[in-house]
C-alpha atoms as a PDB file:
ATOM      1  CA  MET A   1      21.986 -23.354-104.864  1.00  0.00           C
ATOM      2  CA  PRO A   2      21.599 -21.226-101.712  1.00  0.00           C
ATOM      3  CA  LEU A   3      19.107 -18.413-101.724  1.00  0.00           C
ATOM      4  CA  GLY A   4      20.715 -14.985-101.567  1.00  0.00           C
ATOM      5  CA  PHE A   5      19.324 -11.630-100.633  1.00  0.00           C
ATOM      6  CA  GLU A   6      17.641 -11.375-104.042  1.00  0.00           C
ATOM      7  CA  GLY A   7      15.158 -14.060-103.031  1.00  0.00           C
ATOM      8  CA  TRP A   8      14.135 -12.185 -99.885  1.00  0.00           C
ATOM      9  CA  ARG A   9      13.129  -9.143-101.906  1.00  0.00           C
ATOM     10  CA  GLY A  10      10.353 -11.123-103.592  1.00  0.00           C
ATOM     11  CA  ASP A  11       9.060 -12.241-100.211  1.00  0.00           C
ATOM     12  CA  GLU A  12       8.892  -8.647 -99.006  1.00  0.00           C
ATOM     13  CA  GLU A  13       6.968  -7.599-102.112  1.00  0.00           C
ATOM     14  CA  ARG A  14       4.466 -10.430-101.659  1.00  0.00           C
ATOM     15  CA  ALA A  15       4.017  -9.554 -97.996  1.00  0.00           C
ATOM     16  CA  ALA A  16       3.409  -5.895 -98.873  1.00  0.00           C
ATOM     17  CA  GLN A  17       0.846  -6.913-101.496  1.00  0.00           C
ATOM     18  CA  GLY A  18      -0.892  -9.113 -98.924  1.00  0.00           C
ATOM     19  CA  ARG A  19      -1.102  -6.205 -96.487  1.00  0.00           C
ATOM     20  CA  ARG A  20      -2.587  -3.963 -99.193  1.00  0.00           C
ATOM     21  CA  LEU A  21      -5.192  -6.615-100.006  1.00  0.00           C
ATOM     22  CA  LEU A  22      -6.101  -6.955 -96.318  1.00  0.00           C
ATOM     23  CA  ALA A  23      -6.556  -3.179 -96.107  1.00  0.00           C
ATOM     24  CA  LEU A  24      -8.807  -3.189 -99.181  1.00  0.00           C
ATOM     25  CA  ALA A  25     -10.829  -6.070 -97.757  1.00  0.00           C
ATOM     26  CA  GLU A  26     -11.343  -4.102 -94.551  1.00  0.00           C
ATOM     27  CA  ILE A  27     -12.675  -1.109 -96.512  1.00  0.00           C
ATOM     28  CA  TYR A  28     -14.938  -3.246 -98.710  1.00  0.00           C
ATOM     29  CA  ASP A  29     -16.272  -4.914 -95.562  1.00  0.00           C
ATOM     30  CA  GLY A  30     -17.433  -1.537 -94.290  1.00  0.00           C
ATOM     31  CA  GLY A  31     -14.488  -0.638 -92.105  1.00  0.00           C
ATOM     32  CA  SER A  32     -12.989   2.807 -91.885  1.00  0.00           C
ATOM     33  CA  ARG A  33      -9.842   3.903 -93.663  1.00  0.00           C
ATOM     34  CA  THR A  34      -8.197   4.264 -90.251  1.00  0.00           C
ATOM     35  CA  LYS A  35      -8.966   0.638 -89.424  1.00  0.00           C
ATOM     36  CA  ALA A  36      -7.722  -0.404 -92.878  1.00  0.00           C
ATOM     37  CA  ALA A  37      -4.434   1.386 -92.207  1.00  0.00           C
ATOM     38  CA  CYS A  38      -4.069  -0.551 -88.973  1.00  0.00           C
ATOM     39  CA  VAL A  39      -4.892  -3.863 -90.641  1.00  0.00           C
ATOM     40  CA  GLY A  40      -2.662  -3.087 -93.601  1.00  0.00           C
ATOM     41  CA  GLY A  41       0.304  -2.388 -91.355  1.00  0.00           C
ATOM     42  CA  SER A  42       0.964   1.182 -92.413  1.00  0.00           C
ATOM     43  CA  GLY A  43       0.153   2.387 -88.931  1.00  0.00           C
ATOM     44  CA  CYS A  44      -2.165   5.044 -87.710  1.00  0.00           C
ATOM     45  CA  ARG A  45      -1.149   8.667 -87.808  1.00  0.00           C
ATOM     46  CA  ARG A  46      -3.314   9.824 -84.928  1.00  0.00           C
ATOM     47  CA  SER A  47      -2.663   8.715 -81.404  1.00  0.00           C
ATOM     48  CA  GLY A  48      -5.450   7.106 -79.453  1.00  0.00           C
ATOM     49  CA  THR A  49      -6.989   5.211 -82.385  1.00  0.00           C
ATOM     50  CA  GLY A  50      -6.317   1.813 -80.869  1.00  0.00           C
ATOM     51  CA  CYS A  51      -3.914   0.439 -83.488  1.00  0.00           C
END
């Protein structure tokens, strides 16, 4: 049975959860919240932060 668009939604949710976990790991490792936002893929709101 071919995989429809419903199957892709689960992949997106898992990818988003992975990005959140990476952001949390960055914070627990002593990184800043700004760096965690960059690692987590949400982007930085201020220009010039190096993301």
